[in-house]
Amino acid sequence: MQELGRYLHLNVQPESMNILLVALPDTDLEKVAGDITKEYSVKTDTFAIDLTGKGAPEK
């Protein structure tokens, strides 16, 4: 999260962007989204998926 936090801090005007976080299932994705929302006052949505599975990209 440090890299994403640094990017947001240096490059994003918080009121101008929403964020969609995509990661593998069973990660701390919801926690990271909450931390980002709290720290940067942006709206975050999450999508947990394993894109390596057959047919996953179509989901």
Protein backbone atom coordinates (compact mmCIF):
# COMPACT_ATOMS: atom_id res chain seq x y z
CA MET A 1 0.00 0.00 0.00
CA GLN A 2 2.93 2.36 0.47
CA GLU A 3 3.42 2.73 -3.29
CA LEU A 4 -0.25 3.43 -3.90
CA GLY A 5 -0.39 5.84 -0.98
CA ARG A 6 2.66 7.70 -2.27
CA TYR A 7 1.14 7.92 -5.76
CA LEU A 8 -2.14 9.25 -4.40
CA HIS A 9 -0.36 11.78 -2.23
CA LEU A 10 1.80 13.10 -5.06
CA ASN A 11 -0.48 12.84 -8.08
CA VAL A 12 -4.18 12.83 -7.24
CA GLN A 13 -6.53 15.54 -6.16
CA PRO A 14 -8.67 13.44 -3.81
CA GLU A 15 -11.97 15.00 -4.74
CA SER A 16 -11.43 14.22 -8.42
CA MET A 17 -11.02 10.44 -8.44
CA ASN A 18 -12.64 7.23 -7.30
CA ILE A 19 -10.60 4.05 -7.07
CA LEU A 20 -11.34 0.43 -7.96
CA LEU A 21 -8.98 -2.01 -6.26
CA VAL A 22 -8.62 -5.46 -7.82
CA ALA A 23 -6.79 -8.27 -6.06
CA LEU A 24 -6.85 -11.99 -5.41
CA PRO A 25 -9.53 -13.33 -3.06
CA ASP A 26 -8.59 -13.74 0.59
CA THR A 27 -6.41 -10.65 0.71
CA ASP A 28 -6.79 -7.57 2.89
CA LEU A 29 -8.46 -5.75 0.01
CA GLU A 30 -11.34 -4.34 2.07
CA LYS A 31 -8.93 -3.11 4.75
CA VAL A 32 -6.72 -1.43 2.16
CA ALA A 33 -9.79 0.19 0.59
CA GLY A 34 -10.91 1.48 3.98
CA ASP A 35 -7.45 2.82 4.74
CA ILE A 36 -7.31 4.64 1.39
CA THR A 37 -10.80 6.10 1.86
CA LYS A 38 -9.93 7.29 5.34
CA GLU A 39 -6.53 8.73 4.41
CA TYR A 40 -7.39 10.36 1.07
CA SER A 41 -11.15 11.00 1.23
CA VAL A 42 -11.81 9.13 -2.02
CA LYS A 43 -14.48 6.56 -2.80
CA THR A 44 -13.08 3.05 -3.16
CA ASP A 45 -14.68 -0.09 -4.54
CA THR A 46 -13.16 -3.55 -4.50
CA PHE A 47 -13.27 -6.57 -6.76
CA ALA A 48 -11.62 -9.77 -5.51
CA ILE A 49 -10.99 -12.24 -8.32
CA ASP A 50 -8.37 -14.70 -9.53
CA LEU A 51 -7.93 -13.69 -13.17
CA THR A 52 -5.81 -16.76 -13.94
CA GLY A 53 -8.82 -19.09 -13.77
CA LYS A 54 -10.57 -20.27 -16.94
CA GLY A 55 -13.25 -17.76 -17.91
CA ALA A 56 -12.30 -15.33 -15.15
CA PRO A 57 -11.70 -12.30 -17.40
CA GLU A 58 -15.28 -12.57 -18.68
CA LYS A 59 -16.64 -12.21 -15.14
